[in-house]
C-alpha atoms as a PDB file:
ATOM      1  CA  MET A   1      95.520  70.311  71.100  1.00  0.00           C
ATOM      2  CA  VAL A   2      93.660  67.566  69.282  1.00  0.00           C
ATOM      3  CA  VAL A   3      93.879  64.050  70.742  1.00  0.00           C
ATOM      4  CA  TYR A   4      94.337  61.271  68.177  1.00  0.00           C
ATOM      5  CA  ASP A   5      94.895  58.318  70.545  1.00  0.00           C
ATOM      6  CA  LEU A   6      93.661  57.864  74.098  1.00  0.00           C
ATOM      7  CA  LYS A   7      93.569  55.110  76.672  1.00  0.00           C
ATOM      8  CA  PHE A   8      91.848  55.993  79.927  1.00  0.00           C
ATOM      9  CA  ALA A   9      92.137  53.201  82.461  1.00  0.00           C
ATOM     10  CA  TYR A  10      93.087  55.192  85.581  1.00  0.00           C
ATOM     11  CA  PRO A  11      94.357  54.163  88.112  1.00  0.00           C
ATOM     12  CA  ARG A  12      95.977  51.731  85.658  1.00  0.00           C
ATOM     13  CA  HIS A  13      98.363  53.050  83.012  1.00  0.00           C
ATOM     14  CA  SER A  14      96.645  55.658  80.836  1.00  0.00           C
ATOM     15  CA  TYR A  15      97.813  57.931  78.054  1.00  0.00           C
ATOM     16  CA  ALA A  16      96.851  60.567  75.515  1.00  0.00           C
ATOM     17  CA  HIS A  17      98.661  61.372  72.284  1.00  0.00           C
ATOM     18  CA  GLY A  18      97.773  64.525  70.415  1.00  0.00           C
ATOM     19  CA  PHE A  19      98.709  67.163  67.926  1.00  0.00           C
ATOM     20  CA  LEU A  20      99.559  70.698  69.034  1.00  0.00           C
ATOM     21  CA  LEU A  21      97.807  73.263  66.868  1.00  0.00           C
ATOM     22  CA  SER A  22      98.632  76.827  65.898  1.00  0.00           C
ATOM     23  CA  VAL A  23      94.915  77.686  66.272  1.00  0.00           C
ATOM     24  CA  SER A  24      92.194  76.755  68.770  1.00  0.00           C
ATOM     25  CA  ALA A  25      90.581  73.332  68.488  1.00  0.00           C
ATOM     26  CA  ASP A  26      87.328  75.073  67.494  1.00  0.00           C
ATOM     27  CA  ALA A  27      89.067  76.979  64.682  1.00  0.00           C
ATOM     28  CA  PHE A  28      90.711  73.760  63.487  1.00  0.00           C
ATOM     29  CA  GLN A  29      87.347  71.984  63.480  1.00  0.00           C
ATOM     30  CA  ARG A  30      85.775  74.809  61.457  1.00  0.00           C
ATOM     31  CA  ALA A  31      88.681  74.635  58.982  1.00  0.00           C
ATOM     32  CA  CYS A  32      88.123  70.884  58.617  1.00  0.00           C
ATOM     33  CA  GLU A  33      84.380  71.316  58.127  1.00  0.00           C
ATOM     34  CA  THR A  34      84.712  74.059  55.503  1.00  0.00           C
ATOM     35  CA  SER A  35      87.738  72.731  53.648  1.00  0.00           C
ATOM     36  CA  ASN A  36      87.505  71.719  50.008  1.00  0.00           C
ATOM     37  CA  GLU A  37      90.615  69.557  50.406  1.00  0.00           C
ATOM     38  CA  LEU A  38      90.321  65.868  49.498  1.00  0.00           C
ATOM     39  CA  THR A  39      92.555  64.790  52.409  1.00  0.00           C
ATOM     40  CA  MET A  40      93.523  66.121  55.830  1.00  0.00           C
ATOM     41  CA  GLU A  41      97.190  66.513  54.822  1.00  0.00           C
ATOM     42  CA  PRO A  42      96.992  70.186  53.714  1.00  0.00           C
ATOM     43  CA  LEU A  43      95.164  71.121  56.922  1.00  0.00           C
ATOM     44  CA  PHE A  44      97.718  69.291  59.052  1.00  0.00           C
ATOM     45  CA  LYS A  45     100.559  71.050  57.222  1.00  0.00           C
ATOM     46  CA  ARG A  46      98.872  74.393  57.819  1.00  0.00           C
ATOM     47  CA  TYR A  47      97.871  74.015  61.489  1.00  0.00           C
ATOM     48  CA  VAL A  48      99.859  71.255  63.261  1.00  0.00           C
ATOM     49  CA  ILE A  49     103.020  72.543  64.933  1.00  0.00           C
ATOM     50  CA  GLY A  50     103.883  69.627  67.216  1.00  0.00           C
ATOM     51  CA  LYS A  51     102.956  66.438  69.023  1.00  0.00           C
ATOM     52  CA  ILE A  52     102.280  65.898  72.713  1.00  0.00           C
ATOM     53  CA  HIS A  53     102.272  62.691  74.733  1.00  0.00           C
ATOM     54  CA  ILE A  54     100.851  62.385  78.250  1.00  0.00           C
ATOM     55  CA  GLU A  55     101.181  59.255  80.414  1.00  0.00           C
ATOM     56  CA  TYR A  56      99.958  58.664  83.947  1.00  0.00           C
ATOM     57  CA  GLY A  57      98.763  55.987  86.330  1.00  0.00           C
ATOM     58  CA  GLY A  58      99.904  52.403  86.655  1.00  0.00           C
ATOM     59  CA  THR A  59     103.434  52.121  88.012  1.00  0.00           C
ATOM     60  CA  LEU A  60     104.354  55.699  87.082  1.00  0.00           C
ATOM     61  CA  GLN A  61     105.249  57.836  90.086  1.00  0.00           C
ATOM     62  CA  SER A  62     104.146  61.044  88.351  1.00  0.00           C
ATOM     63  CA  THR A  63     102.579  62.248  85.130  1.00  0.00           C
ATOM     64  CA  ILE A  64     104.940  62.305  82.152  1.00  0.00           C
ATOM     65  CA  VAL A  65     104.410  64.971  79.493  1.00  0.00           C
ATOM     66  CA  THR A  66     106.619  65.150  76.416  1.00  0.00           C
ATOM     67  CA  ALA A  67     106.237  67.417  73.405  1.00  0.00           C
ATOM     68  CA  GLU A  68     108.067  67.702  70.133  1.00  0.00           C
ATOM     69  CA  ALA A  69     107.965  70.271  67.388  1.00  0.00           C
ATOM     70  CA  LEU A  70     106.941  69.143  63.927  1.00  0.00           C
ATOM     71  CA  ASP A  71     107.679  70.771  60.598  1.00  0.00           C
ATOM     72  CA  LEU A  72     105.188  69.242  58.177  1.00  0.00           C
ATOM     73  CA  CYS A  73     105.852  71.694  55.345  1.00  0.00           C
END
């Protein structure tokens, strides 16, 4: 998972939004560092398989986790 948006204000409402990867975060980072691509789009198409959203704190009674599959091809 790679987080692309985060708000940590616990115990107030907090969240994290991220991409689910088909490889480890370390492998994705290496691919980004060694890529000859001009944009991130080809790497996202190759390695991102979904999105994940996590919310907690504030008035929420429990942590909410939702995930969705993505087909970027």
